[in-house]
Structure formats: C-alpha cells, structure tokens
Amino acid sequence: MVYLQITLKISPANRPDAAGVYQRYKAPFLNTIAGAKSKELLVRDEDVQVLHGFETAQQASAYLKTDLFNTDVVTALKPLLDGAPDVRIYEAA
C-alpha cells in the first residue's frame, strides 16, 4: 500500500467547507482514479490531512496531475487554505 498525504492549513471556521469538498470528491476519486484504494479525512487541532491510499507510488504521483485533482479539488480548496499544502508520498513496509 502507498499513501499520498496532503496536509492543509485551514482555519477552524473553514473546516466545514473543506469537509464538504472532501465528501464531494471522495466517490469520484475512488471510482475513477487508477489504483485508488481509500481516502480518509484526518482533522487535528493544527491542520487537516487527507490520506489517499493507492496500489503504487506511480499511481499516487499520477493522481496529482489529473483534472480531478487540479481542476476540481485544488480549485475548491484554494479559497479555504491559510498556506501552501504539504504533499508527501509514503510506501508502507
């Protein structure tokens, strides 16, 4: 399993809207993105993380270049962000 972790700085006031973006694009992600296995929203006091599960690191990297990610998700989240997202890919051992 490979994980794409995107950490977002989002103020508490904007988190309900960010959760709405997550809900809106979860099914399209799971149903249309090659190798997509899971998608979880993790809310912490200091930030919000979206953890995407994939079969391979190449599929995780490829997702970052899709229209779903760049046109839909990024556009919807951009006005809610307080800083640049931190994007990391991890391989489970």
N, C-alpha and C. Protein backbone atom coordinates (compact mmCIF):
# COMPACT_ATOMS: atom_id res chain seq x y z
N MET A 1 0.85 -1.18 0.00
CA MET A 1 0.00 0.00 0.00
C MET A 1 0.89 1.23 0.00
N VAL A 2 0.45 2.24 -0.72
CA VAL A 2 1.14 3.52 -0.81
C VAL A 2 0.17 4.61 -0.39
N TYR A 3 0.66 5.59 0.36
CA TYR A 3 -0.19 6.67 0.82
C TYR A 3 0.27 8.01 0.29
N LEU A 4 -0.67 8.78 -0.20
CA LEU A 4 -0.47 10.17 -0.57
C LEU A 4 -1.09 10.99 0.55
N GLN A 5 -0.25 11.72 1.28
CA GLN A 5 -0.72 12.52 2.40
C GLN A 5 -0.64 13.99 2.00
N ILE A 6 -1.75 14.68 2.09
CA ILE A 6 -1.79 16.11 1.81
C ILE A 6 -2.23 16.81 3.09
N THR A 7 -1.33 17.63 3.64
CA THR A 7 -1.61 18.36 4.87
C THR A 7 -1.99 19.79 4.49
N LEU A 8 -3.12 20.24 5.03
CA LEU A 8 -3.69 21.53 4.68
C LEU A 8 -3.82 22.41 5.91
N LYS A 9 -3.38 23.65 5.80
CA LYS A 9 -3.60 24.64 6.86
C LYS A 9 -4.93 25.31 6.57
N ILE A 10 -5.93 24.98 7.38
CA ILE A 10 -7.28 25.50 7.20
C ILE A 10 -7.80 25.95 8.56
N SER A 11 -8.26 27.18 8.65
CA SER A 11 -8.76 27.69 9.93
C SER A 11 -10.00 26.91 10.35
N PRO A 12 -10.24 26.83 11.65
CA PRO A 12 -11.42 26.11 12.14
C PRO A 12 -12.73 26.59 11.50
N ALA A 13 -12.84 27.87 11.21
CA ALA A 13 -14.07 28.40 10.60
C ALA A 13 -14.31 27.85 9.20
N ASN A 14 -13.24 27.50 8.48
CA ASN A 14 -13.36 26.99 7.11
C ASN A 14 -13.38 25.47 7.02
N ARG A 15 -13.23 24.79 8.13
CA ARG A 15 -13.16 23.32 8.08
C ARG A 15 -14.44 22.65 7.63
N PRO A 16 -15.62 23.15 8.00
CA PRO A 16 -16.84 22.52 7.47
C PRO A 16 -16.89 22.58 5.94
N ASP A 17 -16.48 23.70 5.35
CA ASP A 17 -16.46 23.80 3.88
C ASP A 17 -15.43 22.84 3.29
N ALA A 18 -14.28 22.71 3.96
CA ALA A 18 -13.25 21.79 3.48
C ALA A 18 -13.74 20.34 3.56
N ALA A 19 -14.47 20.01 4.62
CA ALA A 19 -15.04 18.67 4.74
C ALA A 19 -16.04 18.42 3.62
N GLY A 20 -16.77 19.45 3.21
CA GLY A 20 -17.70 19.33 2.09
C GLY A 20 -16.98 19.03 0.79
N VAL A 21 -15.82 19.65 0.58
CA VAL A 21 -15.01 19.36 -0.61
C VAL A 21 -14.56 17.91 -0.58
N TYR A 22 -14.11 17.46 0.58
CA TYR A 22 -13.69 16.06 0.74
C TYR A 22 -14.84 15.12 0.37
N GLN A 23 -16.02 15.35 0.92
CA GLN A 23 -17.17 14.48 0.65
C GLN A 23 -17.56 14.49 -0.82
N ARG A 24 -17.52 15.67 -1.44
CA ARG A 24 -17.93 15.81 -2.84
C ARG A 24 -17.04 15.01 -3.78
N TYR A 25 -15.74 14.93 -3.49
CA TYR A 25 -14.81 14.30 -4.43
C TYR A 25 -14.31 12.92 -3.99
N LYS A 26 -14.78 12.42 -2.85
CA LYS A 26 -14.33 11.09 -2.40
C LYS A 26 -14.76 10.00 -3.38
N ALA A 27 -16.04 9.94 -3.73
CA ALA A 27 -16.52 8.89 -4.64
C ALA A 27 -15.89 8.99 -6.03
N PRO A 28 -15.82 10.19 -6.63
CA PRO A 28 -15.15 10.26 -7.94
C PRO A 28 -13.69 9.81 -7.87
N PHE A 29 -13.01 10.12 -6.77
CA PHE A 29 -11.64 9.65 -6.59
C PHE A 29 -11.58 8.13 -6.58
N LEU A 30 -12.40 7.52 -5.73
CA LEU A 30 -12.37 6.06 -5.59
C LEU A 30 -12.85 5.34 -6.85
N ASN A 31 -13.76 5.95 -7.60
CA ASN A 31 -14.35 5.30 -8.76
C ASN A 31 -13.63 5.54 -10.07
N THR A 32 -12.81 6.58 -10.16
CA THR A 32 -12.21 6.91 -11.46
C THR A 32 -10.69 6.97 -11.50
N ILE A 33 -10.03 7.02 -10.35
CA ILE A 33 -8.58 7.17 -10.34
C ILE A 33 -7.91 5.80 -10.27
N ALA A 34 -7.00 5.57 -11.21
CA ALA A 34 -6.29 4.28 -11.29
C ALA A 34 -5.55 4.00 -9.98
N GLY A 35 -5.78 2.80 -9.44
CA GLY A 35 -5.08 2.36 -8.24
C GLY A 35 -5.61 2.91 -6.93
N ALA A 36 -6.63 3.75 -6.96
CA ALA A 36 -7.18 4.33 -5.73
C ALA A 36 -7.82 3.25 -4.87
N LYS A 37 -7.44 3.21 -3.60
CA LYS A 37 -7.96 2.20 -2.67
C LYS A 37 -8.74 2.80 -1.51
N SER A 38 -8.34 4.00 -1.07
CA SER A 38 -9.01 4.59 0.09
C SER A 38 -8.77 6.10 0.11
N LYS A 39 -9.60 6.79 0.89
CA LYS A 39 -9.44 8.23 1.09
C LYS A 39 -10.02 8.56 2.45
N GLU A 40 -9.21 9.16 3.32
CA GLU A 40 -9.63 9.47 4.68
C GLU A 40 -9.34 10.93 5.00
N LEU A 41 -10.22 11.55 5.76
CA LEU A 41 -10.04 12.92 6.22
C LEU A 41 -9.64 12.86 7.69
N LEU A 42 -8.49 13.45 8.02
CA LEU A 42 -7.98 13.47 9.39
C LEU A 42 -7.94 14.92 9.86
N VAL A 43 -8.67 15.23 10.92
CA VAL A 43 -8.73 16.60 11.42
C VAL A 43 -7.99 16.66 12.76
N ARG A 44 -7.00 17.57 12.79
CA ARG A 44 -6.24 17.79 14.02
C ARG A 44 -6.38 19.26 14.41
N ASP A 45 -6.00 19.60 15.63
CA ASP A 45 -6.09 20.99 16.06
C ASP A 45 -5.27 21.90 15.15
N GLU A 46 -4.09 21.44 14.72
CA GLU A 46 -3.19 22.30 13.96
C GLU A 46 -3.39 22.28 12.45
N ASP A 47 -4.04 21.24 11.92
CA ASP A 47 -4.22 21.16 10.46
C ASP A 47 -5.24 20.09 10.11
N VAL A 48 -5.44 19.94 8.82
CA VAL A 48 -6.32 18.91 8.27
C VAL A 48 -5.49 18.10 7.29
N GLN A 49 -5.61 16.78 7.34
CA GLN A 49 -4.88 15.92 6.41
C GLN A 49 -5.86 15.07 5.63
N VAL A 50 -5.52 14.89 4.35
CA VAL A 50 -6.28 13.95 3.54
C VAL A 50 -5.30 12.84 3.17
N LEU A 51 -5.65 11.62 3.54
CA LEU A 51 -4.79 10.46 3.31
C LEU A 51 -5.43 9.59 2.24
N HIS A 52 -4.74 9.48 1.09
CA HIS A 52 -5.21 8.71 -0.05
C HIS A 52 -4.42 7.41 -0.13
N GLY A 53 -5.09 6.28 -0.28
CA GLY A 53 -4.40 5.00 -0.42
C GLY A 53 -4.37 4.57 -1.89
N PHE A 54 -3.21 4.09 -2.33
CA PHE A 54 -3.00 3.63 -3.71
C PHE A 54 -2.29 2.29 -3.73
N GLU A 55 -2.33 1.65 -4.88
CA GLU A 55 -1.58 0.41 -5.08
C GLU A 55 -0.09 0.69 -5.25
N THR A 56 0.27 1.75 -5.99
CA THR A 56 1.68 2.04 -6.28
C THR A 56 1.99 3.53 -6.11
N ALA A 57 3.26 3.84 -5.92
CA ALA A 57 3.71 5.23 -5.82
C ALA A 57 3.49 5.97 -7.14
N GLN A 58 3.63 5.27 -8.26
CA GLN A 58 3.43 5.89 -9.56
C GLN A 58 1.97 6.35 -9.71
N GLN A 59 1.03 5.55 -9.23
CA GLN A 59 -0.38 5.94 -9.30
C GLN A 59 -0.66 7.14 -8.40
N ALA A 60 -0.04 7.19 -7.23
CA ALA A 60 -0.22 8.32 -6.33
C ALA A 60 0.31 9.60 -6.97
N SER A 61 1.47 9.50 -7.57
CA SER A 61 2.07 10.65 -8.26
C SER A 61 1.23 11.08 -9.46
N ALA A 62 0.72 10.11 -10.20
CA ALA A 62 -0.09 10.42 -11.37
C ALA A 62 -1.38 11.13 -10.98
N TYR A 63 -1.96 10.80 -9.84
CA TYR A 63 -3.19 11.46 -9.40
C TYR A 63 -2.99 12.97 -9.27
N LEU A 64 -1.80 13.39 -8.84
CA LEU A 64 -1.51 14.81 -8.66
C LEU A 64 -1.53 15.58 -9.97
N LYS A 65 -1.54 14.88 -11.09
CA LYS A 65 -1.55 15.51 -12.42
C LYS A 65 -2.92 15.42 -13.09
N THR A 66 -3.91 14.84 -12.42
CA THR A 66 -5.23 14.66 -13.04
C THR A 66 -6.07 15.93 -12.97
N ASP A 67 -7.07 15.99 -13.85
CA ASP A 67 -8.03 17.10 -13.81
C ASP A 67 -8.85 17.06 -12.53
N LEU A 68 -9.18 15.87 -12.04
CA LEU A 68 -9.95 15.77 -10.80
C LEU A 68 -9.22 16.49 -9.68
N PHE A 69 -7.92 16.26 -9.57
CA PHE A 69 -7.15 16.90 -8.51
C PHE A 69 -6.95 18.39 -8.79
N ASN A 70 -6.40 18.73 -9.94
CA ASN A 70 -6.01 20.11 -10.22
C ASN A 70 -7.17 21.04 -10.52
N THR A 71 -8.12 20.59 -11.29
CA THR A 71 -9.23 21.46 -11.69
C THR A 71 -10.33 21.48 -10.64
N ASP A 72 -10.66 20.32 -10.09
CA ASP A 72 -11.78 20.24 -9.15
C ASP A 72 -11.37 20.47 -7.70
N VAL A 73 -10.52 19.59 -7.17
CA VAL A 73 -10.19 19.63 -5.75
C VAL A 73 -9.40 20.90 -5.40
N VAL A 74 -8.32 21.17 -6.11
CA VAL A 74 -7.48 22.33 -5.79
C VAL A 74 -8.28 23.63 -5.93
N THR A 75 -9.06 23.75 -6.98
CA THR A 75 -9.87 24.96 -7.17
C THR A 75 -10.86 25.15 -6.03
N ALA A 76 -11.49 24.09 -5.58
CA ALA A 76 -12.46 24.18 -4.49
C ALA A 76 -11.80 24.50 -3.15
N LEU A 77 -10.60 23.98 -2.91
CA LEU A 77 -9.93 24.20 -1.63
C LEU A 77 -9.16 25.51 -1.55
N LYS A 78 -8.72 26.03 -2.68
CA LYS A 78 -7.83 27.19 -2.69
C LYS A 78 -8.31 28.35 -1.81
N PRO A 79 -9.59 28.77 -1.89
CA PRO A 79 -10.01 29.90 -1.05
C PRO A 79 -10.05 29.58 0.45
N LEU A 80 -9.95 28.30 0.82
CA LEU A 80 -10.03 27.90 2.23
C LEU A 80 -8.67 27.76 2.89
N LEU A 81 -7.60 27.77 2.10
CA LEU A 81 -6.26 27.50 2.61
C LEU A 81 -5.61 28.73 3.24
N ASP A 82 -4.89 28.48 4.33
CA ASP A 82 -4.11 29.53 5.00
C ASP A 82 -2.63 29.44 4.66
N GLY A 83 -2.26 28.54 3.78
CA GLY A 83 -0.86 28.36 3.38
C GLY A 83 -0.77 27.26 2.35
N ALA A 84 0.42 27.07 1.84
CA ALA A 84 0.65 26.04 0.82
C ALA A 84 0.50 24.65 1.43
N PRO A 85 -0.13 23.72 0.71
CA PRO A 85 -0.26 22.34 1.21
C PRO A 85 1.10 21.64 1.25
N ASP A 86 1.22 20.68 2.13
CA ASP A 86 2.41 19.82 2.21
C ASP A 86 2.00 18.47 1.64
N VAL A 87 2.63 18.06 0.54
CA VAL A 87 2.27 16.83 -0.17
C VAL A 87 3.41 15.83 -0.03
N ARG A 88 3.08 14.62 0.45
CA ARG A 88 4.08 13.56 0.63
C ARG A 88 3.52 12.22 0.19
N ILE A 89 4.40 11.38 -0.32
CA ILE A 89 4.03 10.02 -0.71
C ILE A 89 4.83 9.06 0.14
N TYR A 90 4.14 8.10 0.77
CA TYR A 90 4.77 7.10 1.64
C TYR A 90 4.46 5.70 1.13
N GLU A 91 5.43 4.81 1.23
CA GLU A 91 5.19 3.40 0.93
C GLU A 91 5.18 2.63 2.25
N ALA A 92 4.13 1.84 2.46
CA ALA A 92 4.02 1.04 3.67
C ALA A 92 4.97 -0.14 3.57
N ALA A 93 5.64 -0.42 4.65
CA ALA A 93 6.61 -1.53 4.68
C ALA A 93 5.97 -2.78 5.22
